[in-house]
Amino acid sequence: MGNKAKSQKSLDQWTKQKWTTASGKKSSDTGEVYAPKKTIDALKKSRSGKKKLAAANKAKRKATSQGKQFASHGLHKGKNRSGTA
């Protein structure tokens, strides 16, 4: 197969991560945002993290109620999920 493109490597890395909601239930049932389990766990450990998560969920629920597929909740802003610099 040869060398993979940067985008394909990023996709491979993304699929290796365990993505979930804070409750562990389906987002379509709860209206919660999906994020890597490590991120969710880290946010749940602090008061400010819990506030960020609650604000992200509120933004997600609002966008969903307006019929939008994507929500700009800011939880992933500035994150490099590919594992590279």
Protein backbone atom coordinates (compact mmCIF):
# COMPACT_ATOMS: atom_id res chain seq x y z
CA MET A 1 0.00 0.00 0.00
CA GLY A 2 2.94 2.36 0.46
CA ASN A 3 3.00 5.54 2.48
CA LYS A 4 -0.27 6.98 3.66
CA ALA A 5 -1.26 10.58 3.10
CA LYS A 6 -1.24 12.86 6.14
CA SER A 7 -5.06 12.96 6.13
CA GLN A 8 -5.25 9.16 6.13
CA LYS A 9 -2.79 8.92 9.04
CA SER A 10 -4.91 11.43 10.93
CA LEU A 11 -8.04 9.39 10.24
CA ASP A 12 -6.31 6.22 11.42
CA GLN A 13 -5.28 7.93 14.67
CA TRP A 14 -8.79 9.33 15.15
CA THR A 15 -10.40 5.91 14.75
CA LYS A 16 -8.05 4.41 17.37
CA GLN A 17 -9.37 6.81 20.00
CA LYS A 18 -12.36 5.78 22.11
CA TRP A 19 -14.95 8.50 21.44
CA THR A 20 -17.95 8.73 23.75
CA THR A 21 -20.32 11.07 25.56
CA ALA A 22 -19.99 12.02 29.22
CA SER A 23 -22.82 9.66 30.17
CA GLY A 24 -21.67 6.87 27.87
CA LYS A 25 -25.06 6.91 26.14
CA LYS A 26 -25.82 7.79 22.53
CA SER A 27 -25.64 11.48 21.69
CA SER A 28 -28.89 11.20 19.75
CA ASP A 29 -30.61 10.16 23.01
CA THR A 30 -28.91 12.63 25.37
CA GLY A 31 -27.87 15.59 23.21
CA GLU A 32 -24.34 15.40 24.60
CA VAL A 33 -21.17 16.07 22.62
CA TYR A 34 -18.83 13.30 21.54
CA ALA A 35 -15.21 13.58 22.60
CA PRO A 36 -12.33 11.20 23.25
CA LYS A 37 -12.83 9.30 26.52
CA LYS A 38 -9.55 10.73 27.89
CA THR A 39 -10.85 14.26 27.28
CA ILE A 40 -14.22 13.52 28.90
CA ASP A 41 -12.53 11.95 31.93
CA ALA A 42 -10.15 14.92 32.32
CA LEU A 43 -13.01 17.43 32.08
CA LYS A 44 -15.11 15.58 34.64
CA LYS A 45 -12.31 15.82 37.24
CA SER A 46 -12.45 19.59 37.73
CA ARG A 47 -15.14 22.16 38.36
CA SER A 48 -14.03 24.26 35.38
CA GLY A 49 -13.94 21.14 33.20
CA LYS A 50 -17.48 20.24 34.22
CA LYS A 51 -18.57 23.78 33.34
CA LYS A 52 -16.93 23.49 29.89
CA LEU A 53 -18.61 20.17 29.30
CA ALA A 54 -22.01 21.51 30.40
CA ALA A 55 -21.61 24.56 28.12
CA ALA A 56 -20.63 22.33 25.20
CA ASN A 57 -23.65 20.08 25.80
CA LYS A 58 -25.93 23.12 25.98
CA ALA A 59 -24.57 24.43 22.67
CA LYS A 60 -24.95 20.98 21.09
CA ARG A 61 -28.55 20.64 22.26
CA LYS A 62 -29.39 24.13 21.00
CA ALA A 63 -27.88 23.46 17.57
CA THR A 64 -29.64 20.10 17.37
CA SER A 65 -33.00 21.68 18.26
CA GLN A 66 -32.44 24.17 15.43
CA GLY A 67 -31.99 21.29 13.00
CA LYS A 68 -28.23 21.71 12.62
CA GLN A 69 -26.03 18.66 12.14
CA PHE A 70 -22.95 20.24 13.70
CA ALA A 71 -22.55 22.44 16.77
CA SER A 72 -19.78 24.95 17.37
CA HIS A 73 -19.36 24.21 21.04
CA GLY A 74 -15.64 24.95 21.29
CA LEU A 75 -14.72 21.79 23.18
CA HIS A 76 -12.33 20.63 20.44
CA LYS A 77 -11.02 24.07 19.52
CA GLY A 78 -7.25 24.16 19.19
CA LYS A 79 -6.85 20.44 19.85
CA ASN A 80 -4.46 18.39 17.78
CA ARG A 81 -5.95 14.92 17.86
CA SER A 82 -3.54 13.42 15.33
CA GLY A 83 -0.77 12.94 17.88
CA THR A 84 1.68 14.96 15.79
CA ALA A 85 2.93 18.47 16.30
